[in-house]
PDB file of N, CA and C in Angstrom:
ATOM      1  N   UNK A   1     -23.592  -1.818 -26.550  1.00  0.00           N
ATOM      2  CA  UNK A   1     -23.534  -2.178 -25.122  1.00  0.00           C
ATOM      3  C   UNK A   1     -22.139  -2.281 -24.579  1.00  0.00           C
ATOM      4  N   UNK A   2     -21.858  -1.771 -23.332  1.00  0.00           N
ATOM      5  CA  UNK A   2     -20.796  -1.773 -22.589  1.00  0.00           C
ATOM      6  C   UNK A   2     -20.107  -3.198 -22.401  1.00  0.00           C
ATOM      7  N   UNK A   3     -18.887  -3.490 -22.570  1.00  0.00           N
ATOM      8  CA  UNK A   3     -18.348  -4.733 -22.095  1.00  0.00           C
ATOM      9  C   UNK A   3     -18.044  -4.805 -20.659  1.00  0.00           C
ATOM     10  N   UNK A   4     -17.941  -5.983 -20.155  1.00  0.00           N
ATOM     11  CA  UNK A   4     -17.787  -6.028 -18.718  1.00  0.00           C
ATOM     12  C   UNK A   4     -16.140  -6.094 -18.658  1.00  0.00           C
ATOM     13  N   UNK A   5     -15.521  -5.340 -17.608  1.00  0.00           N
ATOM     14  CA  UNK A   5     -13.993  -5.241 -17.616  1.00  0.00           C
ATOM     15  C   UNK A   5     -13.811  -6.078 -16.413  1.00  0.00           C
ATOM     16  N   UNK A   6     -12.382  -6.430 -16.329  1.00  0.00           N
ATOM     17  CA  UNK A   6     -11.903  -7.339 -15.051  1.00  0.00           C
ATOM     18  C   UNK A   6     -11.568  -6.387 -14.236  1.00  0.00           C
ATOM     19  N   UNK A   7     -11.503  -6.906 -12.818  1.00  0.00           N
ATOM     20  CA  UNK A   7     -11.232  -6.107 -11.731  1.00  0.00           C
ATOM     21  C   UNK A   7      -9.859  -6.205 -11.535  1.00  0.00           C
ATOM     22  N   UNK A   8      -9.113  -5.421 -12.026  1.00  0.00           N
ATOM     23  CA  UNK A   8      -7.486  -5.505 -11.801  1.00  0.00           C
ATOM     24  C   UNK A   8      -6.984  -4.569 -10.826  1.00  0.00           C
ATOM     25  N   UNK A   9      -7.823  -3.901 -10.174  1.00  0.00           N
ATOM     26  CA  UNK A   9      -7.064  -2.912  -8.958  1.00  0.00           C
ATOM     27  C   UNK A   9      -6.192  -1.954  -9.561  1.00  0.00           C
ATOM     28  N   UNK A  10      -4.958  -2.038  -8.713  1.00  0.00           N
ATOM     29  CA  UNK A  10      -4.063  -1.089  -9.049  1.00  0.00           C
ATOM     30  C   UNK A  10      -3.047  -1.243 -10.451  1.00  0.00           C
ATOM     31  N   UNK A  11      -3.141  -2.731 -10.498  1.00  0.00           N
ATOM     32  CA  UNK A  11      -2.311  -3.218 -11.520  1.00  0.00           C
ATOM     33  C   UNK A  11      -2.905  -2.997 -12.971  1.00  0.00           C
ATOM     34  N   UNK A  12      -4.255  -2.416 -13.005  1.00  0.00           N
ATOM     35  CA  UNK A  12      -4.725  -2.353 -14.417  1.00  0.00           C
ATOM     36  C   UNK A  12      -3.916  -1.232 -15.272  1.00  0.00           C
ATOM     37  N   UNK A  13      -3.123  -0.421 -14.674  1.00  0.00           N
ATOM     38  CA  UNK A  13      -2.359   0.454 -15.421  1.00  0.00           C
ATOM     39  C   UNK A  13      -1.317  -0.179 -16.348  1.00  0.00           C
ATOM     40  N   UNK A  14      -1.248  -1.390 -16.156  1.00  0.00           N
ATOM     41  CA  UNK A  14      -0.141  -2.366 -17.043  1.00  0.00           C
ATOM     42  C   UNK A  14      -0.838  -2.966 -18.216  1.00  0.00           C
ATOM     43  N   UNK A  15      -2.112  -3.102 -18.196  1.00  0.00           N
ATOM     44  CA  UNK A  15      -2.650  -3.845 -19.176  1.00  0.00           C
ATOM     45  C   UNK A  15      -2.548  -5.256 -19.224  1.00  0.00           C
ATOM     46  N   UNK A  16      -2.011  -5.826 -20.269  1.00  0.00           N
ATOM     47  CA  UNK A  16      -1.902  -7.284 -20.470  1.00  0.00           C
ATOM     48  C   UNK A  16      -0.379  -7.621 -20.424  1.00  0.00           C
ATOM     49  N   UNK A  17       0.389  -6.759 -19.856  1.00  0.00           N
ATOM     50  CA  UNK A  17       1.832  -6.875 -19.688  1.00  0.00           C
ATOM     51  C   UNK A  17       2.189  -7.481 -18.412  1.00  0.00           C
ATOM     52  N   UNK A  18       3.346  -8.018 -18.375  1.00  0.00           N
ATOM     53  CA  UNK A  18       4.161  -8.609 -17.318  1.00  0.00           C
ATOM     54  C   UNK A  18       3.468  -9.807 -16.668  1.00  0.00           C
ATOM     55  N   UNK A  19       2.371 -10.470 -16.979  1.00  0.00           N
ATOM     56  CA  UNK A  19       1.928 -11.639 -16.465  1.00  0.00           C
ATOM     57  C   UNK A  19       1.077 -11.492 -15.196  1.00  0.00           C
ATOM     58  N   UNK A  20       0.117 -12.315 -15.058  1.00  0.00           N
ATOM     59  CA  UNK A  20      -0.860 -12.310 -14.078  1.00  0.00           C
ATOM     60  C   UNK A  20      -0.269 -12.313 -12.745  1.00  0.00           C
ATOM     61  N   UNK A  21       0.707 -13.380 -12.430  1.00  0.00           N
ATOM     62  CA  UNK A  21       1.160 -13.535 -11.057  1.00  0.00           C
ATOM     63  C   UNK A  21       2.004 -12.343 -10.837  1.00  0.00           C
ATOM     64  N   UNK A  22       2.662 -11.836 -11.392  1.00  0.00           N
ATOM     65  CA  UNK A  22       3.599 -10.409 -11.088  1.00  0.00           C
ATOM     66  C   UNK A  22       2.549  -9.418 -10.782  1.00  0.00           C
ATOM     67  N   UNK A  23       1.483  -9.383 -11.638  1.00  0.00           N
ATOM     68  CA  UNK A  23       0.564  -8.080 -11.298  1.00  0.00           C
ATOM     69  C   UNK A  23      -0.170  -8.252  -9.883  1.00  0.00           C
ATOM     70  N   UNK A  24      -0.337  -9.493  -9.758  1.00  0.00           N
ATOM     71  CA  UNK A  24      -1.173 -10.057  -8.558  1.00  0.00           C
ATOM     72  C   UNK A  24      -0.208  -9.745  -7.230  1.00  0.00           C
ATOM     73  N   UNK A  25       1.042  -9.826  -7.418  1.00  0.00           N
ATOM     74  CA  UNK A  25       1.884  -9.735  -6.304  1.00  0.00           C
ATOM     75  C   UNK A  25       1.877  -8.298  -5.924  1.00  0.00           C
ATOM     76  N   UNK A  26       1.900  -7.502  -7.045  1.00  0.00           N
ATOM     77  CA  UNK A  26       1.935  -6.160  -6.924  1.00  0.00           C
ATOM     78  C   UNK A  26       0.836  -5.517  -6.329  1.00  0.00           C
ATOM     79  N   UNK A  27      -0.361  -6.002  -6.596  1.00  0.00           N
ATOM     80  CA  UNK A  27      -1.485  -5.525  -6.068  1.00  0.00           C
ATOM     81  C   UNK A  27      -1.479  -5.843  -4.561  1.00  0.00           C
ATOM     82  N   UNK A  28      -1.251  -6.863  -4.002  1.00  0.00           N
ATOM     83  CA  UNK A  28      -0.965  -7.230  -2.809  1.00  0.00           C
ATOM     84  C   UNK A  28      -0.136  -6.318  -2.100  1.00  0.00           C
ATOM     85  N   UNK A  29       1.127  -6.006  -2.459  1.00  0.00           N
ATOM     86  CA  UNK A  29       2.060  -5.015  -1.789  1.00  0.00           C
ATOM     87  C   UNK A  29       1.425  -3.681  -1.664  1.00  0.00           C
ATOM     88  N   UNK A  30       0.914  -3.319  -2.858  1.00  0.00           N
ATOM     89  CA  UNK A  30       0.448  -1.956  -2.940  1.00  0.00           C
ATOM     90  C   UNK A  30      -0.830  -1.598  -2.002  1.00  0.00           C
ATOM     91  N   UNK A  31      -1.775  -2.722  -2.010  1.00  0.00           N
ATOM     92  CA  UNK A  31      -2.956  -2.483  -1.007  1.00  0.00           C
ATOM     93  C   UNK A  31      -2.615  -2.476   0.481  1.00  0.00           C
ATOM     94  N   UNK A  32      -1.468  -3.335   0.785  1.00  0.00           N
ATOM     95  CA  UNK A  32      -0.888  -3.175   2.143  1.00  0.00           C
ATOM     96  C   UNK A  32      -0.310  -2.014   2.441  1.00  0.00           C
ATOM     97  N   UNK A  33       0.357  -1.406   1.647  1.00  0.00           N
ATOM     98  CA  UNK A  33       1.258  -0.108   1.971  1.00  0.00           C
ATOM     99  C   UNK A  33       0.428   1.028   1.916  1.00  0.00           C
ATOM    100  N   UNK A  34      -0.699   0.977   1.202  1.00  0.00           N
ATOM    101  CA  UNK A  34      -1.681   2.343   1.253  1.00  0.00           C
ATOM    102  C   UNK A  34      -2.743   2.376   2.578  1.00  0.00           C
ATOM    103  N   UNK A  35      -3.002   1.303   3.204  1.00  0.00           N
ATOM    104  CA  UNK A  35      -3.832   1.380   4.250  1.00  0.00           C
ATOM    105  C   UNK A  35      -3.184   1.848   5.603  1.00  0.00           C
ATOM    106  N   UNK A  36      -3.951   2.328   6.489  1.00  0.00           N
ATOM    107  CA  UNK A  36      -3.170   2.771   7.691  1.00  0.00           C
ATOM    108  C   UNK A  36      -2.952   1.667   8.587  1.00  0.00           C
ATOM    109  N   UNK A  37      -1.639   1.703   9.212  1.00  0.00           N
ATOM    110  CA  UNK A  37      -1.199   0.843   9.855  1.00  0.00           C
ATOM    111  C   UNK A  37      -1.049   1.348  11.312  1.00  0.00           C
ATOM    112  N   UNK A  38      -0.634   0.287  12.398  1.00  0.00           N
ATOM    113  CA  UNK A  38      -0.437   0.682  13.664  1.00  0.00           C
ATOM    114  C   UNK A  38       0.704   1.211  14.127  1.00  0.00           C
ATOM    115  N   UNK A  39       0.759   2.213  14.956  1.00  0.00           N
ATOM    116  CA  UNK A  39       1.768   3.041  15.389  1.00  0.00           C
ATOM    117  C   UNK A  39       2.614   2.321  16.523  1.00  0.00           C
ATOM    118  N   UNK A  40       3.801   2.127  16.345  1.00  0.00           N
ATOM    119  CA  UNK A  40       4.758   1.503  17.227  1.00  0.00           C
ATOM    120  C   UNK A  40       4.879   2.321  18.688  1.00  0.00           C
ATOM    121  N   UNK A  41       4.503   3.766  18.573  1.00  0.00           N
ATOM    122  CA  UNK A  41       4.818   4.470  19.744  1.00  0.00           C
ATOM    123  C   UNK A  41       3.463   4.792  20.555  1.00  0.00           C
ATOM    124  N   UNK A  42       2.268   4.850  20.012  1.00  0.00           N
ATOM    125  CA  UNK A  42       1.087   5.165  20.687  1.00  0.00           C
ATOM    126  C   UNK A  42      -0.068   3.834  20.353  1.00  0.00           C
ATOM    127  N   UNK A  43       0.461   2.794  19.612  1.00  0.00           N
ATOM    128  CA  UNK A  43      -0.275   1.818  19.451  1.00  0.00           C
ATOM    129  C   UNK A  43      -1.737   1.724  18.797  1.00  0.00           C
ATOM    130  N   UNK A  44      -2.007   2.972  18.148  1.00  0.00           N
ATOM    131  CA  UNK A  44      -3.219   3.270  17.333  1.00  0.00           C
ATOM    132  C   UNK A  44      -3.045   3.189  15.898  1.00  0.00           C
ATOM    133  N   UNK A  45      -3.961   2.946  15.251  1.00  0.00           N
ATOM    134  CA  UNK A  45      -4.018   2.793  14.003  1.00  0.00           C
ATOM    135  C   UNK A  45      -4.121   4.220  13.038  1.00  0.00           C
ATOM    136  N   UNK A  46      -3.076   4.665  12.518  1.00  0.00           N
ATOM    137  CA  UNK A  46      -3.055   5.997  12.069  1.00  0.00           C
ATOM    138  C   UNK A  46      -1.762   6.280  11.323  1.00  0.00           C
ATOM    139  N   UNK A  47      -0.748   5.396  11.083  1.00  0.00           N
ATOM    140  CA  UNK A  47       0.370   5.576  10.440  1.00  0.00           C
ATOM    141  C   UNK A  47       0.309   5.517   8.988  1.00  0.00           C
ATOM    142  N   UNK A  48       0.690   6.316   8.140  1.00  0.00           N
ATOM    143  CA  UNK A  48       0.700   6.374   6.691  1.00  0.00           C
ATOM    144  C   UNK A  48       1.932   6.485   6.279  1.00  0.00           C
ATOM    145  N   UNK A  49       2.258   5.939   4.948  1.00  0.00           N
ATOM    146  CA  UNK A  49       3.420   6.100   4.333  1.00  0.00           C
ATOM    147  C   UNK A  49       3.697   7.226   3.626  1.00  0.00           C
ATOM    148  N   UNK A  50       4.785   8.146   3.785  1.00  0.00           N
ATOM    149  CA  UNK A  50       4.914   9.290   3.221  1.00  0.00           C
ATOM    150  C   UNK A  50       5.829   9.112   1.864  1.00  0.00           C
ATOM    151  N   UNK A  51       6.937   8.245   2.134  1.00  0.00           N
ATOM    152  CA  UNK A  51       7.720   7.849   1.032  1.00  0.00           C
ATOM    153  C   UNK A  51       8.411   6.716   1.314  1.00  0.00           C
ATOM    154  N   UNK A  52       9.367   6.193   0.592  1.00  0.00           N
ATOM    155  CA  UNK A  52      10.011   4.936   0.583  1.00  0.00           C
ATOM    156  C   UNK A  52      10.758   4.836   2.156  1.00  0.00           C
ATOM    157  N   UNK A  53      10.276   4.072   3.117  1.00  0.00           N
ATOM    158  CA  UNK A  53      10.652   3.946   4.396  1.00  0.00           C
ATOM    159  C   UNK A  53      10.379   4.957   5.444  1.00  0.00           C
ATOM    160  N   UNK A  54       9.618   6.038   5.037  1.00  0.00           N
ATOM    161  CA  UNK A  54       9.260   6.964   6.122  1.00  0.00           C
ATOM    162  C   UNK A  54       7.762   7.049   6.185  1.00  0.00           C
ATOM    163  N   UNK A  55       7.545   6.868   7.520  1.00  0.00           N
ATOM    164  CA  UNK A  55       6.139   6.835   7.926  1.00  0.00           C
ATOM    165  C   UNK A  55       5.752   8.055   9.081  1.00  0.00           C
ATOM    166  N   UNK A  56       4.510   8.456   9.216  1.00  0.00           N
ATOM    167  CA  UNK A  56       4.161   9.378   9.983  1.00  0.00           C
ATOM    168  C   UNK A  56       2.679   9.040  10.466  1.00  0.00           C
ATOM    169  N   UNK A  57       2.739   9.055  11.891  1.00  0.00           N
ATOM    170  CA  UNK A  57       1.528   8.887  12.601  1.00  0.00           C
ATOM    171  C   UNK A  57       0.603  10.061  12.607  1.00  0.00           C
ATOM    172  N   UNK A  58      -0.568   9.908  12.238  1.00  0.00           N
ATOM    173  CA  UNK A  58      -1.719  10.919  12.548  1.00  0.00           C
ATOM    174  C   UNK A  58      -2.107  11.541  13.671  1.00  0.00           C
ATOM    175  N   UNK A  59      -1.829  10.456  14.738  1.00  0.00           N
ATOM    176  CA  UNK A  59      -2.478  10.497  16.053  1.00  0.00           C
ATOM    177  C   UNK A  59      -1.360  11.389  16.932  1.00  0.00           C
ATOM    178  N   UNK A  60      -0.267  10.695  17.062  1.00  0.00           N
ATOM    179  CA  UNK A  60       0.877  11.171  17.720  1.00  0.00           C
ATOM    180  C   UNK A  60       1.950  12.197  17.063  1.00  0.00           C
ATOM    181  N   UNK A  61       1.627  12.377  15.964  1.00  0.00           N
ATOM    182  CA  UNK A  61       2.462  13.223  14.874  1.00  0.00           C
ATOM    183  C   UNK A  61       3.960  12.932  14.882  1.00  0.00           C
ATOM    184  N   UNK A  62       4.263  11.595  15.163  1.00  0.00           N
ATOM    185  CA  UNK A  62       5.746  11.232  15.032  1.00  0.00           C
ATOM    186  C   UNK A  62       5.983  10.789  13.676  1.00  0.00           C
ATOM    187  N   UNK A  63       7.227  11.196  13.200  1.00  0.00           N
ATOM    188  CA  UNK A  63       7.649  10.848  11.969  1.00  0.00           C
ATOM    189  C   UNK A  63       9.015   9.628  12.317  1.00  0.00           C
ATOM    190  N   UNK A  64       8.892   8.728  11.543  1.00  0.00           N
ATOM    191  CA  UNK A  64      10.074   7.699  11.770  1.00  0.00           C
ATOM    192  C   UNK A  64      10.376   6.878  10.453  1.00  0.00           C
ATOM    193  N   UNK A  65      11.360   6.166  10.618  1.00  0.00           N
ATOM    194  CA  UNK A  65      11.797   5.271   9.463  1.00  0.00           C
ATOM    195  C   UNK A  65      11.451   3.674   9.911  1.00  0.00           C
ATOM    196  N   UNK A  66      10.974   2.998   8.953  1.00  0.00           N
ATOM    197  CA  UNK A  66      10.625   1.779   8.941  1.00  0.00           C
ATOM    198  C   UNK A  66      10.670   0.892   7.786  1.00  0.00           C
ATOM    199  N   UNK A  67       9.774   0.045   7.678  1.00  0.00           N
ATOM    200  CA  UNK A  67       9.771  -0.947   6.545  1.00  0.00           C
ATOM    201  C   UNK A  67       9.724  -0.099   5.239  1.00  0.00           C
ATOM    202  N   UNK A  68      10.134  -0.638   4.062  1.00  0.00           N
ATOM    203  CA  UNK A  68       9.998   0.161   2.934  1.00  0.00           C
ATOM    204  C   UNK A  68       8.539   0.246   2.360  1.00  0.00           C
ATOM    205  N   UNK A  69       7.618  -1.012   2.345  1.00  0.00           N
ATOM    206  CA  UNK A  69       6.435  -0.924   1.761  1.00  0.00           C
ATOM    207  C   UNK A  69       5.323  -1.160   2.977  1.00  0.00           C
ATOM    208  N   UNK A  70       5.609  -1.753   4.111  1.00  0.00           N
ATOM    209  CA  UNK A  70       4.576  -1.862   5.114  1.00  0.00           C
ATOM    210  C   UNK A  70       5.524  -2.152   6.535  1.00  0.00           C
ATOM    211  N   UNK A  71       4.905  -1.520   7.551  1.00  0.00           N
ATOM    212  CA  UNK A  71       5.447  -1.891   8.919  1.00  0.00           C
ATOM    213  C   UNK A  71       5.204  -3.347   9.420  1.00  0.00           C
ATOM    214  N   UNK A  72       6.272  -3.836  10.075  1.00  0.00           N
ATOM    215  CA  UNK A  72       6.111  -4.971  10.470  1.00  0.00           C
ATOM    216  C   UNK A  72       6.275  -5.252  11.992  1.00  0.00           C
TER     217      UNK A  72
END
């Protein structure tokens, strides 16, 4: 019979290491940075993170620098 696993989201790759609080903070940051955000130029939701601080809007095709993890 299979055992029930905890829902650890993206921090599951660390297993039991680093403590629960640190892993929860990491999950919050990573879930924010991976969802599409509002473009400052066209005001539509479609901006994705390409790399650290580099963002691209899928609607107006603008590439710009912004926050490291998420736009504010």
